[in-house]
Amino acid sequence: MAKKIGIVGGGVVGGGVYEILTSKFPHVCTVQSVAVRDLSKPRAWASAGTKFVDRWEAVVEDPEVEVVVEVMGGTTTAKECVFRALELGKAVVTANKALLAEYTDEVVGKAKGPLGFEAAVCGGIPIIATLQQHLAGDEISSVSGIMNGTTNFMLSKMESSNVDYGDVLKEAQELGFAEADPTADVEGHDVRAKIALLAKLAFGTTVSVEAIPTLGISRIQAVDFDYAKLLGATIRLLGTARKDGESLSVYVAPHVVPATHPAGFASATGPTNVVSIDSKQLGVASLRGAGAGRYPTARSIVADVLRVCAGATVPPFPDPNPNLTLTSDYASRFYVRVIAADQLGIVKAIGEMAERNVVSINAILQNPITDPTNMAFVVTTDAVKHSAVQAFAADVASAPFALSPPLVLNILD
């Protein structure tokens, strides 16, 4: 018998879910009702006879609704909706990464029925099912990826057009890739929520989003792509969860990414997302595709709905590893870009500061100086602790030649 579905949210994604379910899977499920903000708004995708309501409770508390699809977003009303559906024992499918990342353990604790969230991370890429099912018997050492289409569009545009951050942000807003307030995207908060969920899936550890070291892209300039090119690389914003022995590091940062890296991050342009998994049995495997959009996201939600209808769901997260310790002081190679006024003794001073902070310098890069009052040069390091390179950068910032705090990026090996 076809299951009855209730959809909370009739926007772009909700309409896409409705279209796919009603056109392709009427024999599997029927849409009982849709909750929307404005009942008077015309919706071209709605079929005759569809029941529209303006209260989420009318969907969630309908005894005939077996599966609640939440696509309203946010962490206030959406939280009430999802928590109530879970308490009633209904299956819940949601695309709400912020809600899941902030209230992971509470959501899991309330779930009496199936919980699907494939669309919460990277839109159309089936990364959730991959971690939940296909790699369940494997041992994962890291999950890393480009998880935000807005920032990837901006970085690849900065690279291809040799423009600075402010100009490309304006273009992204005009094209609809970036919001009027782009903070969640450009400062890495969106990726932070996504990597928190992937860390829970890969390693069983609940990671508070506030505990994740996060750096966005707002300080990256066109000159950084010039230096990245010297290194045979480009720059991409990555979220990473990495296990080293019994330590787990989870962080979000722009990375200098080699063009030859096997994950294929460097070749991902525009709003493309790429997630790479390194595991004992599979080695390095990458999934690539649209990270957002009406139909890519709706497709992932529909996949969850179909799994629920077929009784093919699995527990949302693996059992936790009690021996795993979360640390924010991870090790990496780093790129440190300095803006300075040219003067004697800069290289000597940089070397002394690096030594004082136990930072091993790999190279110092400097293009020909065209403006001695405002020049950029780059220090690359060997693998050092994040805390050490931050202390080094603070030392450099206080030097008389420094015109601004250095930009610190990770270097992907």
Protein backbone atom coordinates (compact mmCIF):
# COMPACT_ATOMS: atom_id res chain seq x y z
CA MET A 1 0.00 0.00 0.00
CA ALA A 2 1.30 3.47 -0.90
CA LYS A 3 2.54 5.47 2.07
CA LYS A 4 1.12 8.91 2.76
CA ILE A 5 3.60 11.78 2.71
CA GLY A 6 3.33 15.24 4.24
CA ILE A 7 5.61 18.04 3.03
CA VAL A 8 6.41 21.05 5.24
CA GLY A 9 7.68 23.81 2.98
CA GLY A 10 6.43 24.61 -0.51
CA GLY A 11 9.36 26.57 -1.86
CA VAL A 12 11.84 25.70 -4.59
CA VAL A 13 12.94 22.37 -3.12
CA GLY A 14 9.55 21.41 -1.71
CA GLY A 15 7.98 21.95 -5.13
CA GLY A 16 10.66 19.78 -6.72
CA VAL A 17 10.01 16.97 -4.25
CA TYR A 18 6.29 17.18 -4.92
CA GLU A 19 6.80 17.07 -8.70
CA ILE A 20 9.06 14.02 -8.61
CA LEU A 21 6.94 12.04 -6.16
CA THR A 22 3.62 12.71 -7.88
CA SER A 23 4.89 12.19 -11.44
CA LYS A 24 7.18 9.21 -10.97
CA PHE A 25 6.17 7.35 -7.81
CA PRO A 26 2.37 7.54 -7.30
CA HIS A 27 2.36 3.76 -6.84
CA VAL A 28 4.84 4.05 -3.96
CA CYS A 29 3.52 7.07 -2.06
CA THR A 30 0.93 9.81 -2.20
CA VAL A 31 1.34 13.40 -1.03
CA GLN A 32 -1.35 13.85 1.62
CA SER A 33 -0.74 17.53 2.32
CA VAL A 34 1.72 20.42 1.93
CA ALA A 35 2.27 23.15 4.53
CA VAL A 36 3.11 26.58 3.08
CA ARG A 37 3.38 30.13 4.41
CA ASP A 38 1.02 31.76 1.93
CA LEU A 39 -2.03 29.82 0.77
CA SER A 40 -2.89 32.48 -1.82
CA LYS A 41 0.39 32.13 -3.71
CA PRO A 42 -0.05 30.25 -7.02
CA ARG A 43 2.06 27.10 -7.43
CA ALA A 44 2.34 25.81 -10.98
CA TRP A 45 3.56 22.42 -9.78
CA ALA A 46 0.51 21.66 -7.63
CA SER A 47 -1.91 19.01 -8.92
CA ALA A 48 -5.65 19.27 -8.55
CA GLY A 49 -6.89 17.92 -5.25
CA THR A 50 -3.69 18.59 -3.32
CA LYS A 51 -4.41 19.69 0.23
CA PHE A 52 -2.53 22.87 1.18
CA VAL A 53 -2.40 24.11 4.78
CA ASP A 54 -0.70 27.06 6.46
CA ARG A 55 0.27 25.33 9.72
CA TRP A 56 2.98 22.67 9.97
CA GLU A 57 1.02 21.03 12.79
CA ALA A 58 -1.75 20.21 10.31
CA VAL A 59 0.74 18.03 8.42
CA VAL A 60 2.75 16.55 11.27
CA GLU A 61 -0.21 15.73 13.53
CA ASP A 62 -2.37 14.27 10.77
CA PRO A 63 -2.70 10.60 11.83
CA GLU A 64 -2.72 9.50 8.19
CA VAL A 65 0.66 11.07 7.40
CA GLU A 66 3.39 8.43 7.83
CA VAL A 67 6.40 10.32 6.44
CA VAL A 68 7.13 14.01 7.13
CA VAL A 69 9.39 15.81 4.66
CA GLU A 70 10.79 19.01 6.22
CA VAL A 71 12.15 21.55 3.72
CA MET A 72 11.34 24.84 5.45
CA GLY A 73 14.88 25.35 6.80
CA GLY A 74 16.07 27.18 9.88
CA THR A 75 16.50 26.00 13.46
CA THR A 76 13.45 27.47 15.21
CA THR A 77 10.08 26.50 13.73
CA ALA A 78 11.73 23.69 11.79
CA LYS A 79 13.08 22.29 15.06
CA GLU A 80 9.59 22.24 16.56
CA CYS A 81 8.26 20.52 13.45
CA VAL A 82 10.96 17.85 13.25
CA PHE A 83 11.00 17.14 16.99
CA ARG A 84 7.21 16.76 17.08
CA ALA A 85 7.23 14.40 14.09
CA LEU A 86 9.94 12.28 15.71
CA GLU A 87 8.10 12.19 19.03
CA LEU A 88 5.01 10.91 17.20
CA GLY A 89 7.09 8.08 15.77
CA LYS A 90 6.84 9.24 12.18
CA ALA A 91 9.56 8.82 9.61
CA VAL A 92 11.28 12.15 8.95
CA VAL A 93 13.19 13.23 5.87
CA THR A 94 14.94 16.59 6.07
CA ALA A 95 17.46 18.69 4.16
CA ASN A 96 18.16 20.81 7.23
CA LYS A 97 21.91 20.63 7.86
CA ALA A 98 21.93 23.46 10.39
CA LEU A 99 19.29 21.79 12.56
CA LEU A 100 20.95 18.38 12.39
CA ALA A 101 24.44 19.73 13.10
CA GLU A 102 23.32 21.85 16.05
CA TYR A 103 21.01 19.27 17.64
CA THR A 104 22.52 15.99 16.46
CA ASP A 105 22.17 13.97 19.65
CA GLU A 106 18.74 15.37 20.49
CA VAL A 107 17.41 14.50 17.04
CA VAL A 108 18.79 10.96 17.22
CA GLY A 109 17.47 10.55 20.77
CA LYS A 110 13.94 11.50 19.76
CA ALA A 111 13.85 9.40 16.60
CA LYS A 112 11.49 6.45 17.02
CA GLY A 113 11.19 5.88 13.29
CA PRO A 114 13.44 6.27 10.23
CA LEU A 115 15.42 9.49 9.79
CA GLY A 116 16.70 10.48 6.34
CA PHE A 117 18.92 13.47 5.59
CA GLU A 118 20.69 12.74 2.29
CA ALA A 119 19.97 16.26 1.01
CA ALA A 120 21.49 17.96 4.08
CA VAL A 121 25.05 17.70 2.74
CA CYS A 122 26.07 18.51 -0.84
CA GLY A 123 22.62 18.50 -2.42
CA GLY A 124 22.59 15.91 -5.17
CA ILE A 125 25.71 13.95 -4.17
CA PRO A 126 24.81 10.66 -2.40
CA ILE A 127 27.46 11.10 0.30
CA ILE A 128 25.17 10.24 3.24
CA ALA A 129 24.09 6.86 1.88
CA THR A 130 27.69 6.14 0.88
CA LEU A 131 28.88 6.59 4.46
CA GLN A 132 25.83 4.98 6.09
CA GLN A 133 25.66 1.88 3.94
CA HIS A 134 28.31 1.37 1.28
CA LEU A 135 31.30 2.02 3.54
CA ALA A 136 29.78 0.74 6.78
CA GLY A 137 32.21 -2.19 6.90
CA ASP A 138 35.27 -0.12 6.00
CA GLU A 139 37.67 1.87 8.17
CA ILE A 140 37.65 5.53 7.20
CA SER A 141 40.66 7.72 7.86
CA SER A 142 39.39 10.99 6.38
CA VAL A 143 36.48 12.76 4.72
CA SER A 144 37.21 16.04 2.99
CA GLY A 145 35.61 18.13 0.34
CA ILE A 146 34.30 21.20 -1.43
CA MET A 147 30.87 21.49 0.16
CA ASN A 148 29.69 24.99 -0.72
CA GLY A 149 28.87 25.97 -4.27
CA THR A 150 28.88 29.73 -3.64
CA THR A 151 32.46 29.85 -2.40
CA ASN A 152 33.65 27.44 -5.06
CA PHE A 153 32.10 29.63 -7.76
CA MET A 154 33.82 32.67 -6.24
CA LEU A 155 37.26 31.06 -5.88
CA SER A 156 37.28 29.57 -9.36
CA LYS A 157 36.15 32.94 -10.77
CA MET A 158 38.93 34.75 -8.89
CA GLU A 159 41.39 32.32 -10.41
CA SER A 160 40.12 32.44 -13.99
CA SER A 161 39.48 36.20 -14.15
CA ASN A 162 42.25 37.49 -11.83
CA VAL A 163 39.80 39.54 -9.75
CA ASP A 164 39.75 40.21 -6.02
CA TYR A 165 37.23 39.03 -3.47
CA GLY A 166 34.98 42.11 -3.40
CA ASP A 167 34.40 42.12 -7.15
CA VAL A 168 33.61 38.42 -7.38
CA LEU A 169 31.28 38.57 -4.37
CA LYS A 170 29.27 41.29 -6.09
CA GLU A 171 29.01 39.16 -9.25
CA ALA A 172 27.98 36.09 -7.23
CA GLN A 173 25.19 38.12 -5.60
CA GLU A 174 24.01 39.47 -8.95
CA LEU A 175 23.87 35.93 -10.37
CA GLY A 176 21.99 34.60 -7.35
CA PHE A 177 24.81 32.36 -6.11
CA ALA A 178 25.38 34.44 -2.97
CA GLU A 179 22.83 35.89 -0.55
CA ALA A 180 22.58 39.59 0.26
CA ASP A 181 24.19 38.61 3.57
CA PRO A 182 26.78 36.06 2.42
CA THR A 183 28.30 35.39 5.87
CA ALA A 184 27.17 31.78 6.22
CA ASP A 185 28.82 30.87 2.92
CA VAL A 186 31.94 33.02 2.73
CA GLU A 187 32.97 32.62 6.38
CA GLY A 188 32.65 28.83 6.21
CA HIS A 189 29.66 28.37 8.53
CA ASP A 190 27.69 26.36 5.96
CA VAL A 191 30.62 23.98 5.42
CA ARG A 192 31.13 23.76 9.19
CA ALA A 193 27.64 22.31 9.69
CA LYS A 194 28.14 19.85 6.85
CA ILE A 195 31.51 18.55 8.00
CA ALA A 196 30.14 18.14 11.54
CA LEU A 197 27.52 15.74 10.11
CA LEU A 198 30.04 13.88 7.95
CA ALA A 199 32.36 13.48 10.96
CA LYS A 200 29.48 11.93 12.91
CA LEU A 201 28.72 9.60 10.01
CA ALA A 202 32.31 8.57 9.39
CA PHE A 203 33.53 8.24 12.98
CA GLY A 204 30.47 8.22 15.27
CA THR A 205 31.69 11.30 17.14
CA THR A 206 29.34 14.21 17.78
CA VAL A 207 31.24 17.42 17.06
CA SER A 208 29.86 20.76 18.24
CA VAL A 209 29.96 23.25 15.38
CA GLU A 210 31.39 25.81 17.79
CA ALA A 211 34.40 23.54 18.41
CA ILE A 212 35.38 23.38 14.73
CA PRO A 213 38.23 25.74 13.71
CA THR A 214 36.75 27.67 10.78
CA LEU A 215 38.27 30.11 8.30
CA GLY A 216 36.39 31.50 5.33
CA ILE A 217 37.52 33.04 2.06
CA SER A 218 36.97 36.77 2.64
CA ARG A 219 40.70 37.58 3.02
CA ILE A 220 41.85 35.75 -0.11
CA GLN A 221 43.13 38.04 -2.85
CA ALA A 222 44.03 37.61 -6.51
CA VAL A 223 47.72 37.57 -5.53
CA ASP A 224 47.16 34.32 -3.63
CA PHE A 225 46.22 32.60 -6.86
CA ASP A 226 49.44 33.89 -8.40
CA TYR A 227 51.45 32.23 -5.67
CA ALA A 228 49.30 29.09 -5.74
CA LYS A 229 50.08 28.83 -9.46
CA LEU A 230 53.82 28.94 -8.65
CA LEU A 231 53.17 25.91 -6.46
CA GLY A 232 51.31 24.08 -9.25
CA ALA A 233 48.09 24.51 -7.34
CA THR A 234 44.88 26.48 -6.83
CA ILE A 235 42.79 27.45 -3.80
CA ARG A 236 39.61 25.75 -2.62
CA LEU A 237 37.57 25.92 0.60
CA LEU A 238 37.50 22.45 2.18
CA GLY A 239 35.79 20.91 5.17
CA THR A 240 37.86 18.07 6.65
CA ALA A 241 37.38 15.35 9.26
CA ARG A 242 40.56 13.32 9.73
CA LYS A 243 41.47 10.52 12.12
CA ASP A 244 45.09 10.02 13.18
CA GLY A 245 45.34 7.09 15.56
CA GLU A 246 42.86 7.90 18.34
CA SER A 247 42.71 11.62 17.54
CA LEU A 248 40.02 13.24 15.39
CA SER A 249 40.53 16.65 13.77
CA VAL A 250 37.60 18.49 12.19
CA TYR A 251 38.18 21.88 10.54
CA VAL A 252 37.15 24.22 7.73
CA ALA A 253 39.77 26.23 5.86
CA PRO A 254 40.82 27.39 2.41
CA HIS A 255 43.51 25.03 1.08
CA VAL A 256 46.24 25.36 -1.49
CA VAL A 257 45.28 22.34 -3.59
CA PRO A 258 47.76 20.73 -6.02
CA ALA A 259 46.42 20.35 -9.55
CA THR A 260 47.49 16.70 -9.44
CA HIS A 261 45.74 15.79 -6.17
CA PRO A 262 43.83 12.51 -6.67
CA ALA A 263 40.59 13.85 -5.15
CA GLY A 264 40.14 16.19 -8.12
CA PHE A 265 39.42 19.31 -6.05
CA ALA A 266 41.47 21.60 -8.29
CA SER A 267 39.40 20.83 -11.39
CA ALA A 268 36.06 21.52 -9.67
CA THR A 269 34.89 24.92 -10.91
CA GLY A 270 31.71 26.94 -10.53
CA PRO A 271 29.16 25.71 -7.96
CA THR A 272 30.37 22.10 -8.17
CA ASN A 273 30.80 20.07 -4.96
CA VAL A 274 33.36 17.26 -4.49
CA VAL A 275 33.71 14.96 -1.48
CA SER A 276 36.68 12.63 -1.10
CA ILE A 277 36.83 9.67 1.28
CA ASP A 278 40.03 7.87 2.22
CA SER A 279 39.40 4.40 3.64
CA LYS A 280 41.38 1.26 4.36
CA GLN A 281 39.63 -0.99 1.85
CA LEU A 282 38.74 1.48 -0.91
CA GLY A 283 41.62 3.96 -0.81
CA VAL A 284 40.76 7.43 -2.12
CA ALA A 285 37.33 7.74 -3.75
CA SER A 286 35.56 10.96 -4.77
CA LEU A 287 31.95 11.90 -5.44
CA ARG A 288 31.27 14.96 -7.58
CA GLY A 289 28.15 16.81 -8.65
CA ALA A 290 25.71 19.62 -8.05
CA GLY A 291 25.74 20.70 -4.43
CA ALA A 292 22.43 22.59 -4.52
CA GLY A 293 19.52 23.47 -6.76
CA ARG A 294 15.89 22.47 -6.98
CA TYR A 295 16.13 19.08 -8.61
CA PRO A 296 19.51 17.86 -7.31
CA THR A 297 18.37 18.51 -3.73
CA ALA A 298 14.85 17.20 -4.35
CA ARG A 299 16.30 14.04 -5.89
CA SER A 300 18.20 13.31 -2.68
CA ILE A 301 15.07 13.85 -0.58
CA VAL A 302 13.08 11.55 -2.85
CA ALA A 303 15.77 8.88 -2.52
CA ASP A 304 15.28 8.99 1.26
CA VAL A 305 11.50 8.83 0.89
CA LEU A 306 11.79 5.77 -1.35
CA ARG A 307 14.09 4.05 1.16
CA VAL A 308 11.53 4.68 3.89
CA CYS A 309 8.70 3.36 1.74
CA ALA A 310 10.71 0.22 0.90
CA GLY A 311 11.67 -0.38 4.54
CA ALA A 312 15.32 -0.13 3.51
CA THR A 313 16.53 2.48 6.01
CA VAL A 314 19.50 2.05 8.35
CA PRO A 315 20.40 3.74 11.67
CA PRO A 316 21.28 7.38 10.91
CA PHE A 317 24.71 7.28 12.58
CA PRO A 318 27.18 4.57 13.61
CA ASP A 319 27.97 3.68 17.20
CA PRO A 320 30.41 6.17 18.74
CA ASN A 321 34.06 5.30 19.24
CA PRO A 322 34.68 5.99 22.97
CA ASN A 323 38.46 5.98 22.43
CA LEU A 324 38.44 8.79 19.87
CA THR A 325 39.53 12.22 21.17
CA LEU A 326 38.63 15.44 19.37
CA THR A 327 41.50 17.88 18.90
CA SER A 328 41.58 21.30 17.27
CA ASP A 329 45.38 21.40 17.10
CA TYR A 330 45.87 19.41 13.92
CA ALA A 331 49.06 19.19 11.87
CA SER A 332 49.39 20.39 8.28
CA ARG A 333 51.68 22.18 5.91
CA PHE A 334 50.76 25.84 5.69
CA TYR A 335 50.89 28.81 3.32
CA VAL A 336 51.46 32.17 5.05
CA ARG A 337 51.01 35.25 2.88
CA VAL A 338 52.49 38.48 4.23
CA ILE A 339 51.81 42.03 3.02
CA ALA A 340 54.77 44.23 3.94
CA ALA A 341 56.69 47.41 3.26
CA ASP A 342 60.03 46.43 1.74
CA GLN A 343 63.07 46.91 3.97
CA LEU A 344 66.31 45.21 4.94
CA GLY A 345 66.22 42.26 7.29
CA ILE A 346 62.72 40.90 6.56
CA VAL A 347 63.88 37.41 5.60
CA LYS A 348 66.16 37.23 8.64
CA ALA A 349 63.32 38.35 10.93
CA ILE A 350 60.92 35.81 9.39
CA GLY A 351 63.44 33.03 10.01
CA GLU A 352 63.93 34.05 13.63
CA MET A 353 60.18 34.19 14.25
CA ALA A 354 59.71 30.79 12.66
CA GLU A 355 62.45 29.30 14.82
CA ARG A 356 61.01 30.90 17.95
CA ASN A 357 57.63 29.29 17.25
CA VAL A 358 59.05 25.90 16.20
CA VAL A 359 57.88 26.34 12.61
CA SER A 360 60.02 24.72 9.92
CA ILE A 361 60.11 26.84 6.75
CA ASN A 362 59.92 24.95 3.48
CA ALA A 363 60.25 27.93 1.12
CA ILE A 364 59.92 31.71 0.81
CA LEU A 365 58.27 32.86 -2.42
CA GLN A 366 58.41 36.39 -3.77
CA ASN A 367 57.40 37.72 -7.16
CA PRO A 368 59.25 40.79 -8.54
CA ILE A 369 58.48 43.87 -6.45
CA THR A 370 56.45 46.51 -8.27
CA ASP A 371 55.45 48.56 -5.20
CA PRO A 372 58.01 48.50 -2.36
CA THR A 373 55.51 50.14 -0.01
CA ASN A 374 53.01 47.31 -0.42
CA MET A 375 54.49 43.97 -1.46
CA ALA A 376 53.27 40.40 -0.95
CA PHE A 377 55.44 37.38 -0.25
CA VAL A 378 54.66 33.86 0.92
CA VAL A 379 56.20 31.52 3.46
CA THR A 380 55.39 27.82 3.09
CA THR A 381 56.02 25.49 6.01
CA ASP A 382 56.70 21.84 6.57
CA ALA A 383 54.08 19.94 8.59
CA VAL A 384 53.53 21.78 11.89
CA LYS A 385 50.77 22.12 14.44
CA HIS A 386 47.99 24.61 13.75
CA SER A 387 48.74 26.38 17.04
CA ALA A 388 52.40 26.84 16.06
CA VAL A 389 51.64 28.47 12.71
CA GLN A 390 49.04 30.73 14.34
CA ALA A 391 51.63 31.88 16.89
CA PHE A 392 54.10 32.46 14.06
CA ALA A 393 51.51 34.50 12.14
CA ALA A 394 50.79 36.58 15.25
CA ASP A 395 54.51 37.25 15.62
CA VAL A 396 54.74 38.37 11.99
CA ALA A 397 51.68 40.61 12.39
CA SER A 398 53.42 42.51 15.18
CA ALA A 399 56.61 43.10 13.15
CA PRO A 400 57.27 46.71 12.00
CA PHE A 401 57.30 45.71 8.33
CA ALA A 402 53.87 43.99 8.36
CA LEU A 403 51.01 46.05 6.94
CA SER A 404 48.25 43.62 7.95
CA PRO A 405 47.87 40.24 9.70
CA PRO A 406 49.19 37.39 7.52
CA LEU A 407 46.78 35.11 5.70
CA VAL A 408 47.22 31.48 6.73
CA LEU A 409 45.98 28.73 4.39
CA ASN A 410 46.40 24.99 4.65
CA ILE A 411 48.41 23.14 2.01
CA LEU A 412 46.82 19.88 0.90
CA ASP A 413 49.27 16.99 0.46
